[in-house]
Amino acid sequence: MIYSDRLQEIAATTGGDMNWINGVGFALFVVLGSGCVQTNTKPVTTRNGELTHGNVQLNVKVGQTSKADVLEHFGAPNITTIDGSGQEVWSYQRQATVTQSSSSSNYWTVILAGGGNSASGFEQTQRTMTLIIKFGKDNLVSDFRSRSSEF
């Protein structure tokens, strides 16, 4: 009942146009309600995270894998070009930094003698993955190369 009274109060200050008030209320409902919709599609960033050497070997086959298959498995490429022979070339490049920190401590005591040991460590690793795929006129993979490195 309070909401209804407030709407009437707003309508009175806007010249009594309840249609305008109802329109604004509906628009707010649509905008606020649209954030509640869930979809089952993966975001591009998640799909691109699946670009690993193993996934490339499992999912890319010369003469069998289509552009649609590549998009489904790896998402949009970073660069698309046409090579000298007219083949479309898709390039993927991914980099990741993995950071680990650890610490351990050991303490021992012997009668009248004691000792302690403490260690901590920090490790950072760089990983890169490059995939280059060429497509023939039939939109199937005609050639591909991948390279993975970690340092």
Protein backbone atom coordinates (compact mmCIF):
# COMPACT_ATOMS: atom_id res chain seq x y z
CA MET A 1 0.00 0.00 0.00
CA ILE A 2 2.89 2.38 0.70
CA TYR A 3 4.26 1.85 -2.82
CA SER A 4 0.87 2.70 -4.34
CA ASP A 5 0.60 5.87 -2.24
CA ARG A 6 4.09 6.94 -3.34
CA LEU A 7 3.20 6.37 -7.00
CA GLN A 8 0.12 8.55 -6.65
CA GLU A 9 2.22 11.24 -4.97
CA ILE A 10 4.76 11.14 -7.83
CA ALA A 11 1.94 11.18 -10.38
CA ALA A 12 0.49 14.30 -8.76
CA THR A 13 3.84 16.11 -8.98
CA THR A 14 4.31 15.09 -12.65
CA GLY A 15 0.93 16.35 -13.75
CA GLY A 16 -1.06 13.18 -12.98
CA ASP A 17 0.37 11.10 -15.84
CA MET A 18 0.17 7.54 -14.43
CA ASN A 19 1.10 6.07 -17.84
CA TRP A 20 4.49 7.77 -17.59
CA ILE A 21 4.95 6.38 -14.06
CA ASN A 22 3.95 2.87 -15.15
CA GLY A 23 6.32 3.08 -18.13
CA VAL A 24 9.24 4.08 -15.93
CA GLY A 25 8.40 1.28 -13.47
CA PHE A 26 8.31 -1.27 -16.29
CA ALA A 27 11.61 -0.01 -17.70
CA LEU A 28 13.26 -0.31 -14.28
CA PHE A 29 11.87 -3.81 -13.90
CA VAL A 30 13.31 -4.86 -17.29
CA VAL A 31 16.72 -3.31 -16.60
CA LEU A 32 17.03 -4.70 -13.09
CA GLY A 33 15.58 -8.08 -14.05
CA SER A 34 17.90 -8.54 -17.01
CA GLY A 35 20.84 -9.00 -14.64
CA CYS A 36 19.19 -12.14 -13.28
CA VAL A 37 19.29 -14.08 -16.57
CA GLN A 38 21.82 -16.89 -16.67
CA THR A 39 23.41 -18.22 -19.85
CA ASN A 40 25.25 -21.47 -20.42
CA THR A 41 27.84 -20.09 -22.85
CA LYS A 42 31.42 -19.78 -21.72
CA PRO A 43 33.00 -16.34 -21.73
CA VAL A 44 35.71 -15.87 -24.34
CA THR A 45 38.37 -15.53 -21.68
CA THR A 46 37.51 -18.96 -20.27
CA ARG A 47 37.52 -20.64 -23.66
CA ASN A 48 40.83 -19.01 -24.52
CA GLY A 49 42.25 -20.40 -21.28
CA GLU A 50 41.85 -23.90 -22.78
CA LEU A 51 44.60 -23.26 -25.32
CA THR A 52 47.14 -25.88 -24.28
CA HIS A 53 49.47 -28.07 -26.28
CA GLY A 54 47.43 -31.16 -25.35
CA ASN A 55 44.12 -29.57 -26.41
CA VAL A 56 45.64 -28.53 -29.73
CA GLN A 57 46.84 -32.10 -30.42
CA LEU A 58 43.43 -33.55 -29.49
CA ASN A 59 41.20 -31.06 -31.31
CA VAL A 60 43.02 -29.88 -34.44
CA LYS A 61 43.23 -32.35 -37.34
CA VAL A 62 44.42 -31.46 -40.85
CA GLY A 63 41.61 -31.84 -43.39
CA GLN A 64 38.98 -32.51 -40.69
CA THR A 65 38.74 -29.54 -38.29
CA SER A 66 36.64 -26.58 -39.47
CA LYS A 67 36.87 -22.90 -38.53
CA ALA A 68 33.73 -23.33 -36.40
CA ASP A 69 35.39 -26.20 -34.50
CA VAL A 70 38.49 -24.08 -33.83
CA LEU A 71 36.33 -21.17 -32.61
CA GLU A 72 34.40 -23.50 -30.34
CA HIS A 73 37.53 -24.99 -28.76
CA PHE A 74 39.82 -21.95 -28.56
CA GLY A 75 37.70 -18.83 -29.05
CA ALA A 76 38.57 -15.93 -31.31
CA PRO A 77 42.16 -15.71 -32.59
CA ASN A 78 44.45 -12.82 -31.71
CA ILE A 79 45.35 -12.18 -35.38
CA THR A 80 43.85 -13.24 -38.70
CA THR A 81 45.71 -12.76 -41.98
CA ILE A 82 45.93 -14.11 -45.52
CA ASP A 83 49.27 -15.64 -46.54
CA GLY A 84 51.00 -15.40 -49.93
CA SER A 85 49.14 -18.41 -51.33
CA GLY A 86 45.71 -17.04 -50.34
CA GLN A 87 45.17 -19.22 -47.28
CA GLU A 88 43.56 -17.68 -44.20
CA VAL A 89 45.87 -17.83 -41.17
CA TRP A 90 44.71 -17.60 -37.54
CA SER A 91 47.26 -16.92 -34.80
CA TYR A 92 46.76 -17.46 -31.08
CA GLN A 93 49.21 -16.26 -28.44
CA ARG A 94 48.73 -16.85 -24.71
CA GLN A 95 51.00 -15.94 -21.83
CA ALA A 96 50.65 -16.70 -18.16
CA THR A 97 52.66 -15.96 -15.06
CA VAL A 98 52.48 -18.57 -12.31
CA THR A 99 53.62 -17.47 -8.87
CA GLN A 100 54.15 -19.75 -5.88
CA SER A 101 55.36 -19.00 -2.42
CA SER A 102 56.11 -21.48 0.29
CA SER A 103 57.53 -21.58 3.74
CA SER A 104 58.50 -24.36 6.08
CA SER A 105 60.01 -24.56 9.50
CA ASN A 106 61.50 -27.42 11.44
CA TYR A 107 62.32 -27.23 15.10
CA TRP A 108 64.00 -29.89 17.20
CA THR A 109 65.15 -30.05 20.78
CA VAL A 110 67.64 -32.34 22.45
CA ILE A 111 68.42 -32.21 26.15
CA LEU A 112 70.31 -28.96 26.82
CA ALA A 113 70.68 -28.31 23.08
CA GLY A 114 68.16 -26.84 20.71
CA GLY A 115 68.08 -25.88 17.12
CA GLY A 116 65.73 -24.41 14.62
CA ASN A 117 65.48 -24.17 10.88
CA SER A 118 63.22 -21.93 8.82
CA ALA A 119 63.00 -21.52 5.07
CA SER A 120 60.80 -19.60 2.72
CA GLY A 121 60.70 -19.53 -1.03
CA PHE A 122 59.19 -17.62 -3.90
CA GLU A 123 59.00 -19.01 -7.42
CA GLN A 124 57.71 -17.35 -10.56
CA THR A 125 57.28 -19.13 -13.89
CA GLN A 126 56.38 -17.72 -17.32
CA ARG A 127 54.40 -19.88 -19.72
CA THR A 128 53.68 -19.10 -23.35
CA MET A 129 51.62 -20.90 -25.98
CA THR A 130 51.56 -20.01 -29.67
CA LEU A 131 49.23 -21.64 -32.21
CA ILE A 132 49.18 -20.84 -35.92
CA ILE A 133 46.47 -22.46 -38.07
CA LYS A 134 46.10 -22.26 -41.86
CA PHE A 135 42.72 -22.88 -43.52
CA GLY A 136 42.19 -24.06 -47.09
CA LYS A 137 39.48 -22.88 -49.50
CA ASP A 138 37.13 -25.49 -47.99
CA ASN A 139 37.45 -23.76 -44.54
CA LEU A 140 39.14 -26.84 -43.08
CA VAL A 141 42.55 -26.84 -41.39
CA SER A 142 45.25 -27.32 -44.03
CA ASP A 143 48.24 -26.95 -41.66
CA PHE A 144 49.00 -25.92 -38.09
CA ARG A 145 51.95 -25.40 -35.81
CA SER A 146 52.02 -24.98 -32.04
CA ARG A 147 54.76 -24.09 -29.62
CA SER A 148 54.71 -24.17 -25.86
CA SER A 149 57.45 -22.93 -23.56
CA GLU A 150 57.98 -22.46 -19.85
CA PHE A 151 60.79 -20.56 -18.18
